[in-house]
Amino acid sequence: MSLHHTRAPALALTGFAAMALIAGTARAQNTSKELVPGSWSATIGIGAVVAPEYPGSDEASISPVPLIDLRYRVGMTGLDTVFLNTGDGLGVVVLRRGAFSTGVSVNYASGRDEDDGDRLRGLGAIDAAARGRLFVRADFGALGLGLDIDRAFGAQDGTFLTMKASYSAHLTPALSLTGHVGATLADGSGQRQWFGVTEAGAARSGLPAYRPDGGLQSGTLGVTAAYALTPHWRLTARVGVTQLLGDAADSPVVENETQPYGFLGVSYRF
């Protein structure tokens, strides 16, 4: 995979690098249970993601990413926590019971340009859009589990279901490692928008027409290292790989089914 130009910041990178933005995303929202009602927490920082130019690309780009994690614990039934963070966007934890929490959020979903790769020329652009999310998270100490249902709106289409798990280990008081695994399923609309080629697109691009069905789209594996420089400053690094599967992997727009990514960032917790 070759390294390409630097792109504009994005809060969501079409699903592949989004999990790289915040360590422990499988249980990120449930950490709000540490806040007492009426209290808040804030973490801000900056980082960079190295990820494929588009899902299936053989070239990588570097994207600067703002790291944001703001939470206010309301503590009411139906409105437990209001949050804004890089991974989930703007939303609310609606219900919290023991290890489990559930809520909704809306986030930015980046698009795809024809000049992101040679195989995309003539296929038209996929514009950036909003993406709504319904999530369920569980925190069992070192083990975190998560289920996200994402629905694209506006210029994008499709519904995506992501299952993920993470396991954390503290190697020293300052250093922790977290392993992550995940799998994403997509409906036919989402598959066809990102991996399909219409008859008109085939005529313009020279690629064969391709109409993928819904199903398992990808699997992801990664590891995150977090090091506390001080009680407030933290350095976070992550490497991982997403493997395209099924009809997505067979798409003529895909140059490489294996999609590595990396992340490095520094953040300050108030």
Protein backbone atom coordinates (compact mmCIF):
# COMPACT_ATOMS: atom_id res chain seq x y z
CA MET A 1 0.00 0.00 0.00
CA SER A 2 1.52 3.31 -1.08
CA LEU A 3 1.13 6.55 0.85
CA HIS A 4 -0.86 9.27 -0.87
CA HIS A 5 -1.73 12.90 -0.20
CA THR A 6 -3.07 14.36 3.03
CA ARG A 7 -6.83 14.73 3.12
CA ALA A 8 -9.12 17.02 5.06
CA PRO A 9 -10.04 16.06 8.64
CA ALA A 10 -12.89 13.60 8.96
CA LEU A 11 -14.81 12.38 11.99
CA ALA A 12 -15.81 9.17 10.23
CA LEU A 13 -13.68 7.47 7.63
CA THR A 14 -16.28 5.35 5.81
CA GLY A 15 -16.24 2.78 8.58
CA PHE A 16 -12.67 1.46 8.30
CA ALA A 17 -10.56 3.85 10.38
CA ALA A 18 -13.36 5.04 12.63
CA MET A 19 -12.51 2.38 15.20
CA ALA A 20 -8.95 3.71 15.30
CA LEU A 21 -9.97 7.12 16.60
CA ILE A 22 -10.69 6.29 20.23
CA ALA A 23 -9.30 3.34 22.15
CA GLY A 24 -11.85 1.04 23.71
CA THR A 25 -14.80 2.04 21.53
CA ALA A 26 -16.66 -1.16 22.40
CA ARG A 27 -17.36 0.31 25.83
CA ALA A 28 -16.68 4.03 25.36
CA GLN A 29 -20.14 5.23 26.34
CA ASN A 30 -20.43 3.06 29.41
CA THR A 31 -17.49 4.86 31.04
CA SER A 32 -19.98 7.65 31.73
CA LYS A 33 -21.25 5.58 34.65
CA GLU A 34 -18.15 6.82 36.50
CA LEU A 35 -19.69 10.31 36.49
CA VAL A 36 -22.19 11.24 39.18
CA PRO A 37 -25.37 12.99 37.98
CA GLY A 38 -24.74 16.67 37.34
CA SER A 39 -21.02 16.20 36.58
CA TRP A 40 -19.07 16.31 33.32
CA SER A 41 -15.78 15.18 31.80
CA ALA A 42 -13.80 16.53 28.88
CA THR A 43 -10.91 15.20 26.81
CA ILE A 44 -9.54 16.98 23.76
CA GLY A 45 -6.57 16.34 21.53
CA ILE A 46 -5.25 15.89 18.03
CA GLY A 47 -4.10 12.89 16.05
CA ALA A 48 -3.53 11.49 12.61
CA VAL A 49 -5.01 8.45 10.88
CA VAL A 50 -3.28 6.59 8.07
CA ALA A 51 -5.97 4.71 6.19
CA PRO A 52 -6.97 3.63 2.66
CA GLU A 53 -8.01 6.38 0.28
CA TYR A 54 -11.35 4.61 -0.08
CA PRO A 55 -12.65 1.16 0.96
CA GLY A 56 -10.71 -1.23 -1.27
CA SER A 57 -7.97 1.22 -2.27
CA ASP A 58 -4.33 0.21 -2.60
CA GLU A 59 -3.18 3.72 -1.65
CA ALA A 60 -3.20 5.32 1.79
CA SER A 61 -3.77 8.89 2.93
CA ILE A 62 -2.97 10.73 6.14
CA SER A 63 -5.88 12.54 7.77
CA PRO A 64 -5.54 14.89 10.76
CA VAL A 65 -8.26 14.07 13.27
CA PRO A 66 -9.55 16.12 16.22
CA LEU A 67 -9.91 13.99 19.35
CA ILE A 68 -12.99 15.03 21.29
CA ASP A 69 -14.74 13.32 24.18
CA LEU A 70 -17.19 15.52 26.08
CA ARG A 71 -19.76 14.04 28.48
CA TYR A 72 -22.39 15.42 30.82
CA ARG A 73 -24.14 12.97 33.13
CA VAL A 74 -27.78 13.94 33.52
CA GLY A 75 -28.67 10.75 35.37
CA MET A 76 -32.36 10.71 34.39
CA THR A 77 -34.30 7.73 33.09
CA GLY A 78 -34.42 8.20 29.33
CA LEU A 79 -31.60 10.77 29.42
CA ASP A 80 -28.59 9.39 31.24
CA THR A 81 -25.66 11.12 29.49
CA VAL A 82 -25.24 13.70 26.73
CA PHE A 83 -21.99 13.34 24.79
CA LEU A 84 -19.94 14.54 21.85
CA ASN A 85 -17.01 12.40 20.78
CA THR A 86 -15.00 11.57 17.69
CA GLY A 87 -16.09 7.96 17.44
CA ASP A 88 -19.87 8.21 17.93
CA GLY A 89 -20.60 11.89 17.23
CA LEU A 90 -23.30 13.84 19.06
CA GLY A 91 -25.76 11.77 21.03
CA VAL A 92 -27.32 10.60 24.26
CA VAL A 93 -27.08 7.51 26.42
CA VAL A 94 -30.76 6.83 26.88
CA LEU A 95 -30.65 3.96 29.34
CA ARG A 96 -28.01 2.46 31.64
CA ARG A 97 -28.47 -0.74 33.65
CA GLY A 98 -25.45 -2.23 35.37
CA ALA A 99 -22.83 -3.13 32.77
CA PHE A 100 -25.10 -2.22 29.85
CA SER A 101 -25.91 1.08 28.19
CA THR A 102 -27.84 2.01 25.06
CA GLY A 103 -28.31 5.23 23.13
CA VAL A 104 -28.45 7.08 19.84
CA SER A 105 -26.14 9.48 18.05
CA VAL A 106 -25.54 11.24 14.75
CA ASN A 107 -22.16 11.65 13.09
CA TYR A 108 -20.48 12.81 9.90
CA ALA A 109 -19.77 10.19 7.23
CA SER A 110 -17.10 11.10 4.70
CA GLY A 111 -17.64 10.36 1.03
CA ARG A 112 -15.61 9.25 -1.96
CA ASP A 113 -14.30 11.17 -4.98
CA GLU A 114 -13.62 9.90 -8.47
CA ASP A 115 -9.98 10.97 -8.18
CA ASP A 116 -9.43 8.84 -5.05
CA GLY A 117 -8.37 5.99 -7.33
CA ASP A 118 -8.00 5.03 -10.98
CA ARG A 119 -10.77 2.45 -10.76
CA LEU A 120 -13.26 5.07 -9.57
CA ARG A 121 -13.03 7.31 -12.62
CA GLY A 122 -16.40 7.50 -14.30
CA LEU A 123 -18.31 6.11 -11.32
CA GLY A 124 -19.28 9.47 -9.86
CA ALA A 125 -18.73 10.80 -6.37
CA ILE A 126 -20.30 9.70 -3.11
CA ASP A 127 -20.96 12.90 -1.21
CA ALA A 128 -20.42 13.30 2.52
CA ALA A 129 -23.56 12.83 4.58
CA ALA A 130 -24.98 12.31 8.05
CA ARG A 131 -25.08 8.90 9.68
CA GLY A 132 -27.40 7.99 12.53
CA ARG A 133 -26.42 5.33 15.08
CA LEU A 134 -28.24 3.14 17.58
CA PHE A 135 -25.76 1.50 19.93
CA VAL A 136 -25.65 -0.98 22.79
CA ARG A 137 -22.48 -1.22 24.90
CA ALA A 138 -21.44 -3.49 27.74
CA ASP A 139 -18.52 -3.03 30.15
CA PHE A 140 -17.35 -6.08 32.11
CA GLY A 141 -14.13 -4.59 33.44
CA ALA A 142 -11.35 -5.60 31.06
CA LEU A 143 -13.86 -6.90 28.50
CA GLY A 144 -15.98 -4.53 26.43
CA LEU A 145 -18.70 -5.50 23.94
CA GLY A 146 -20.58 -3.34 21.48
CA LEU A 147 -23.29 -3.47 18.83
CA ASP A 148 -23.86 -0.51 16.45
CA ILE A 149 -26.59 -0.09 13.86
CA ASP A 150 -25.74 2.76 11.48
CA ARG A 151 -28.09 4.28 8.93
CA ALA A 152 -26.86 6.68 6.25
CA PHE A 153 -28.96 9.72 5.29
CA GLY A 154 -29.01 12.27 2.50
CA ALA A 155 -26.39 11.67 -0.19
CA GLN A 156 -25.50 8.24 1.18
CA ASP A 157 -27.54 5.08 1.51
CA GLY A 158 -27.48 1.83 3.41
CA THR A 159 -27.75 0.27 6.85
CA PHE A 160 -24.72 -1.23 8.58
CA LEU A 161 -24.51 -3.48 11.63
CA THR A 162 -21.17 -3.68 13.46
CA MET A 163 -20.35 -6.11 16.25
CA LYS A 164 -17.18 -5.42 18.22
CA ALA A 165 -15.29 -6.51 21.30
CA SER A 166 -12.23 -5.27 23.15
CA TYR A 167 -10.04 -6.56 25.95
CA SER A 168 -7.70 -4.32 27.96
CA ALA A 169 -4.67 -5.13 30.08
CA HIS A 170 -2.63 -2.72 32.22
CA LEU A 171 1.04 -3.60 31.79
CA THR A 172 2.21 -0.81 34.09
CA PRO A 173 0.38 1.97 35.97
CA ALA A 174 0.96 4.20 32.93
CA LEU A 175 0.78 1.76 30.00
CA SER A 176 -2.22 -0.25 28.80
CA LEU A 177 -2.86 -2.42 25.77
CA THR A 178 -6.29 -3.03 24.26
CA GLY A 179 -7.08 -5.62 21.61
CA HIS A 180 -10.04 -5.05 19.30
CA VAL A 181 -12.02 -7.29 16.95
CA GLY A 182 -15.07 -6.41 14.91
CA ALA A 183 -17.27 -7.44 12.00
CA THR A 184 -19.60 -5.34 9.83
CA LEU A 185 -22.64 -6.44 7.85
CA ALA A 186 -24.21 -4.20 5.22
CA ASP A 187 -27.54 -4.26 3.43
CA GLY A 188 -27.76 -4.33 -0.36
CA SER A 189 -28.08 -0.54 -0.69
CA GLY A 190 -24.90 0.09 1.28
CA GLN A 191 -23.00 -2.60 -0.57
CA ARG A 192 -24.05 -1.31 -3.98
CA GLN A 193 -23.21 2.32 -3.23
CA TRP A 194 -19.64 1.58 -2.13
CA PHE A 195 -18.80 -1.57 -4.10
CA GLY A 196 -21.28 -1.75 -6.97
CA VAL A 197 -20.90 -0.64 -10.59
CA THR A 198 -24.05 0.35 -12.48
CA GLU A 199 -24.49 -0.23 -16.20
CA ALA A 200 -23.94 3.50 -16.80
CA GLY A 201 -20.88 3.51 -14.55
CA ALA A 202 -19.49 0.50 -16.39
CA ALA A 203 -19.87 2.28 -19.73
CA ARG A 204 -18.01 5.34 -18.43
CA SER A 205 -15.29 3.57 -16.45
CA GLY A 206 -14.60 0.45 -18.46
CA LEU A 207 -15.20 -1.74 -15.38
CA PRO A 208 -17.68 -4.61 -15.57
CA ALA A 209 -21.13 -3.97 -14.15
CA TYR A 210 -21.43 -5.38 -10.63
CA ARG A 211 -24.40 -5.63 -8.27
CA PRO A 212 -23.38 -6.94 -4.84
CA ASP A 213 -25.87 -8.30 -2.36
CA GLY A 214 -26.13 -7.51 1.33
CA GLY A 215 -24.14 -9.58 3.78
CA LEU A 216 -20.88 -9.68 5.71
CA GLN A 217 -18.79 -6.78 4.43
CA SER A 218 -15.61 -6.79 6.52
CA GLY A 219 -13.78 -7.93 9.63
CA THR A 220 -11.39 -5.79 11.67
CA LEU A 221 -8.53 -6.63 14.04
CA GLY A 222 -6.41 -4.10 15.92
CA VAL A 223 -4.42 -3.26 19.02
CA THR A 224 -4.18 0.04 20.89
CA ALA A 225 -1.43 1.20 23.23
CA ALA A 226 -2.20 4.07 25.61
CA TYR A 227 0.49 5.72 27.71
CA ALA A 228 -0.23 8.28 30.43
CA LEU A 229 2.46 10.92 30.11
CA THR A 230 1.02 12.75 33.13
CA PRO A 231 -2.27 12.46 35.06
CA HIS A 232 -3.82 14.63 32.31
CA TRP A 233 -1.83 13.99 29.12
CA ARG A 234 -2.12 10.70 27.22
CA LEU A 235 -0.41 9.34 24.12
CA THR A 236 -2.39 6.80 22.10
CA ALA A 237 -1.24 4.65 19.18
CA ARG A 238 -3.11 2.02 17.24
CA VAL A 239 -2.46 -0.34 14.36
CA GLY A 240 -4.96 -2.62 12.74
CA VAL A 241 -6.25 -4.20 9.58
CA THR A 242 -9.67 -4.49 7.97
CA GLN A 243 -10.29 -7.43 5.65
CA LEU A 244 -12.99 -7.03 3.01
CA LEU A 245 -15.19 -10.10 2.70
CA GLY A 246 -17.88 -11.59 0.50
CA ASP A 247 -19.33 -9.50 -2.30
CA ALA A 248 -17.40 -6.43 -1.14
CA ALA A 249 -14.07 -8.21 -1.64
CA ASP A 250 -15.12 -9.36 -5.14
CA SER A 251 -15.97 -5.83 -6.34
CA PRO A 252 -14.11 -4.54 -9.41
CA VAL A 253 -13.43 -1.25 -7.57
CA VAL A 254 -11.35 -3.11 -4.97
CA GLU A 255 -7.60 -3.01 -5.53
CA ASN A 256 -6.66 -4.67 -2.23
CA GLU A 257 -8.97 -6.72 0.00
CA THR A 258 -6.65 -6.20 3.00
CA GLN A 259 -6.84 -2.65 4.38
CA PRO A 260 -4.26 -1.74 7.06
CA TYR A 261 -4.58 1.45 9.10
CA GLY A 262 -2.76 3.25 11.88
CA PHE A 263 -3.38 6.03 14.36
CA LEU A 264 -1.26 8.24 16.62
CA GLY A 265 -2.61 10.98 18.85
CA VAL A 266 -2.14 12.96 22.02
CA SER A 267 -4.98 14.12 24.27
CA TYR A 268 -5.55 16.13 27.44
CA ARG A 269 -8.16 15.19 30.03
CA PHE A 270 -9.51 18.05 32.14
